[in-house]
């Protein structure tokens, strides 16, 4: 799959809105343009013209990732994604792909936080398992990036824009993901300890 940035933004918006605002889905071109250009939950922020969104949705339709919806009484054409059928992914996997399409590479903790509006992952292990499934598919759809100097946690990215996967062994991916989860849990434990210590001081229990 080789999608350009406009196609990624439109597809990500279709997936996002199908899960977060289903009452307003499928979407018109005007609604898609607004979703693409919104300033929250987007990186980078863009300013697409209507004709750019139209070209992007036409390309997605030609690639089997979107379809036109002819609803009874609709005055304007609406569009929906067909990612589940075309890419053979589950709703949780589609949610992860959408967040990466809309906001770029992210850590496990960031992905869990930012997919909260889409679906619920019980823990970081559940996200890591879904990402591993995407990474080990016959045509990989996501991968873990090697840590850059100064980074504490590895980041994950989608592979829908034609990038070559970084060569990493599966056991290395699992080890890196485990380190990531431990780092997040250690941070949460430190924060919890600080809260308990603060409560003890407020209650006069501080020795």
Protein backbone atom coordinates (compact mmCIF):
# COMPACT_ATOMS: atom_id res chain seq x y z
CA UNK A 1 0.00 0.00 0.00
CA UNK A 2 1.38 3.39 -0.96
CA UNK A 3 -0.77 6.32 0.19
CA UNK A 4 0.23 9.96 0.00
CA UNK A 5 -0.20 12.34 2.91
CA UNK A 6 -3.62 13.62 1.81
CA UNK A 7 -4.93 10.08 1.36
CA UNK A 8 -3.60 9.10 4.79
CA UNK A 9 -5.26 12.12 6.40
CA UNK A 10 -8.63 11.45 4.75
CA UNK A 11 -8.53 7.72 5.53
CA UNK A 12 -7.49 8.37 9.12
CA UNK A 13 -10.38 10.82 9.51
CA UNK A 14 -12.87 8.31 8.11
CA UNK A 15 -11.74 5.67 10.59
CA UNK A 16 -11.64 8.15 13.46
CA UNK A 17 -15.14 9.54 12.89
CA UNK A 18 -16.66 6.10 12.30
CA UNK A 19 -15.60 5.19 15.85
CA UNK A 20 -15.87 8.50 17.73
CA UNK A 21 -18.96 10.12 16.13
CA UNK A 22 -20.90 7.28 14.47
CA UNK A 23 -24.08 9.39 14.32
CA UNK A 24 -22.35 11.66 11.79
CA UNK A 25 -20.86 8.86 9.71
CA UNK A 26 -20.59 8.21 6.71
CA UNK A 27 -19.19 11.63 5.87
CA UNK A 28 -19.72 14.29 3.23
CA UNK A 29 -16.81 16.00 1.50
CA UNK A 30 -17.46 19.11 3.58
CA UNK A 31 -17.34 17.11 6.82
CA UNK A 32 -14.16 15.35 5.67
CA UNK A 33 -12.51 18.66 4.84
CA UNK A 34 -13.33 19.96 8.31
CA UNK A 35 -12.01 16.78 9.93
CA UNK A 36 -8.78 16.90 7.93
CA UNK A 37 -8.14 20.53 8.83
CA UNK A 38 -9.04 20.43 12.51
CA UNK A 39 -6.31 21.65 14.82
CA UNK A 40 -6.76 19.09 17.60
CA UNK A 41 -5.49 15.50 17.45
CA UNK A 42 -3.55 16.20 14.22
CA UNK A 43 0.16 16.30 13.47
CA UNK A 44 0.87 18.11 11.28
CA UNK A 45 -2.05 20.57 11.12
CA UNK A 46 -3.05 21.09 7.46
CA UNK A 47 -5.31 23.33 5.41
CA UNK A 48 -6.64 21.22 2.53
CA UNK A 49 -8.90 22.77 -0.09
CA UNK A 50 -12.09 20.93 -1.05
CA UNK A 51 -10.65 19.76 -4.38
CA UNK A 52 -7.67 18.19 -2.56
CA UNK A 53 -10.02 16.19 -0.35
CA UNK A 54 -12.05 15.13 -3.41
CA UNK A 55 -8.91 13.88 -5.17
CA UNK A 56 -7.83 12.01 -2.07
CA UNK A 57 -11.17 10.26 -1.61
CA UNK A 58 -11.24 9.35 -5.31
CA UNK A 59 -7.80 7.75 -4.97
CA UNK A 60 -8.88 5.86 -1.86
CA UNK A 61 -11.90 4.54 -3.74
CA UNK A 62 -9.69 3.40 -6.63
CA UNK A 63 -7.46 1.56 -4.14
CA UNK A 64 -10.42 -0.19 -2.53
CA UNK A 65 -10.17 1.64 0.79
CA UNK A 66 -13.28 3.83 0.59
CA UNK A 67 -16.75 3.70 -0.96
CA UNK A 68 -19.56 6.05 -1.84
CA UNK A 69 -22.76 5.74 0.19
CA UNK A 70 -26.10 6.51 -1.41
CA UNK A 71 -28.40 7.04 1.54
CA UNK A 72 -32.11 7.54 1.12
CA UNK A 73 -32.90 11.23 1.40
CA UNK A 74 -29.24 12.32 1.34
CA UNK A 75 -28.68 15.55 -0.55
CA UNK A 76 -24.91 15.09 -0.79
CA UNK A 77 -22.75 12.07 -1.48
CA UNK A 78 -21.24 10.46 1.60
CA UNK A 79 -18.21 8.26 2.01
CA UNK A 80 -17.09 5.46 4.28
CA UNK A 81 -13.88 3.48 4.66
CA UNK A 82 -13.59 -0.26 4.00
CA UNK A 83 -10.30 -0.81 5.79
CA UNK A 84 -11.49 -3.92 7.63
CA UNK A 85 -12.34 -5.70 4.38
CA UNK A 86 -9.42 -4.51 2.27
CA UNK A 87 -6.60 -4.70 4.81
CA UNK A 88 -8.16 -7.49 6.91
CA UNK A 89 -7.74 -5.69 10.23
CA UNK A 90 -9.83 -5.73 13.38
CA UNK A 91 -11.46 -2.59 14.84
CA UNK A 92 -8.72 -2.21 17.50
CA UNK A 93 -6.05 -2.53 14.81
CA UNK A 94 -7.88 0.02 12.63
CA UNK A 95 -7.96 2.41 15.59
CA UNK A 96 -4.20 2.12 16.07
CA UNK A 97 -3.55 2.66 12.37
CA UNK A 98 -5.83 5.72 12.32
CA UNK A 99 -4.06 7.37 15.26
CA UNK A 100 -0.69 6.76 13.63
CA UNK A 101 -1.99 8.13 10.32
CA UNK A 102 -3.27 11.28 12.02
CA UNK A 103 -0.43 11.90 14.49
CA UNK A 104 2.66 10.06 13.25
CA UNK A 105 4.91 7.60 15.14
CA UNK A 106 4.03 7.14 18.82
CA UNK A 107 4.95 5.15 21.91
CA UNK A 108 2.73 2.48 23.43
CA UNK A 109 1.63 4.88 26.17
CA UNK A 110 0.72 7.58 23.65
CA UNK A 111 -1.20 5.10 21.52
CA UNK A 112 -3.19 3.89 24.52
CA UNK A 113 -4.04 7.45 25.55
CA UNK A 114 -4.97 8.61 22.06
CA UNK A 115 -7.07 5.60 21.09
CA UNK A 116 -9.20 6.04 24.22
CA UNK A 117 -11.86 7.87 22.18
CA UNK A 118 -11.94 5.06 19.61
CA UNK A 119 -11.92 1.87 21.62
CA UNK A 120 -10.71 0.51 24.96
CA UNK A 121 -7.44 -1.37 25.41
CA UNK A 122 -7.17 -3.01 28.85
CA UNK A 123 -3.41 -2.46 29.09
CA UNK A 124 -0.21 -1.84 27.15
CA UNK A 125 0.23 -5.56 26.53
CA UNK A 126 -2.99 -5.59 24.51
CA UNK A 127 -1.73 -2.75 22.32
CA UNK A 128 1.65 -4.41 21.87
CA UNK A 129 -0.06 -7.63 20.80
CA UNK A 130 -2.18 -5.85 18.18
CA UNK A 131 0.88 -4.00 16.86
CA UNK A 132 2.82 -7.24 16.63
CA UNK A 133 -0.01 -8.75 14.58
CA UNK A 134 0.09 -5.76 12.22
CA UNK A 135 3.89 -5.98 11.99
CA UNK A 136 3.99 -9.71 11.22
CA UNK A 137 1.18 -9.77 8.64
CA UNK A 138 1.96 -11.07 5.16
CA UNK A 139 2.07 -7.42 4.09
CA UNK A 140 3.24 -5.59 7.24
CA UNK A 141 1.07 -2.61 8.17
CA UNK A 142 3.02 -1.29 11.16
CA UNK A 143 6.41 -1.59 12.79
CA UNK A 144 8.40 -0.58 15.80
CA UNK A 145 11.14 1.97 15.13
CA UNK A 146 14.60 1.60 16.68
CA UNK A 147 15.17 3.94 19.58
CA UNK A 148 16.85 7.20 18.66
CA UNK A 149 19.55 8.68 20.92
CA UNK A 150 17.92 10.16 24.01
CA UNK A 151 14.62 8.30 23.61
CA UNK A 152 13.44 6.28 26.60
CA UNK A 153 10.69 4.39 24.77
CA UNK A 154 10.46 3.04 21.22
CA UNK A 155 7.84 4.44 18.86
CA UNK A 156 5.58 2.69 16.37
CA UNK A 157 4.52 3.79 12.89
CA UNK A 158 2.17 2.60 10.15
CA UNK A 159 3.51 1.29 6.82
CA UNK A 160 0.75 2.54 4.54
CA UNK A 161 2.78 5.20 2.74
CA UNK A 162 5.29 2.96 1.02
CA UNK A 163 8.14 3.10 3.54
CA UNK A 164 10.42 0.10 3.68
CA UNK A 165 10.15 -1.67 7.05
CA UNK A 166 13.16 -1.30 9.32
CA UNK A 167 14.84 -4.68 9.65
CA UNK A 168 14.19 -5.83 13.21
CA UNK A 169 13.84 -9.41 14.37
CA UNK A 170 10.56 -10.35 16.01
CA UNK A 171 12.28 -11.30 19.28
CA UNK A 172 13.98 -7.89 19.31
CA UNK A 173 10.62 -6.21 18.82
CA UNK A 174 9.15 -8.16 21.73
CA UNK A 175 12.12 -7.28 23.97
CA UNK A 176 11.88 -3.58 23.07
CA UNK A 177 8.13 -3.58 23.70
CA UNK A 178 8.69 -5.19 27.11
CA UNK A 179 11.23 -2.49 28.02
CA UNK A 180 8.72 0.14 26.93
CA UNK A 181 5.98 -1.30 29.12
CA UNK A 182 8.31 -1.55 32.14
CA UNK A 183 9.33 2.10 31.71
CA UNK A 184 5.70 3.23 31.62
CA UNK A 185 4.78 1.11 34.65
CA UNK A 186 7.77 2.42 36.61
CA UNK A 187 6.64 5.97 35.88
CA UNK A 188 3.10 5.19 37.03
CA UNK A 189 4.44 3.53 40.22
CA UNK A 190 6.61 6.57 41.02
CA UNK A 191 3.62 8.87 40.54
CA UNK A 192 1.47 6.65 42.79
CA UNK A 193 4.11 6.67 45.52
CA UNK A 194 4.29 10.46 45.36
CA UNK A 195 0.50 10.70 45.73
CA UNK A 196 0.54 8.38 48.76
CA UNK A 197 3.38 10.37 50.36
CA UNK A 198 1.47 13.62 49.75
CA UNK A 199 -1.69 12.19 51.35
CA UNK A 200 0.31 10.99 54.36
CA UNK A 201 1.78 14.48 54.83
CA UNK A 202 -1.67 16.08 54.58
CA UNK A 203 -3.03 13.64 57.19
CA UNK A 204 -0.09 14.25 59.50
CA UNK A 205 1.20 10.73 59.10
CA UNK A 206 4.57 11.76 57.74
CA UNK A 207 7.19 10.39 60.16
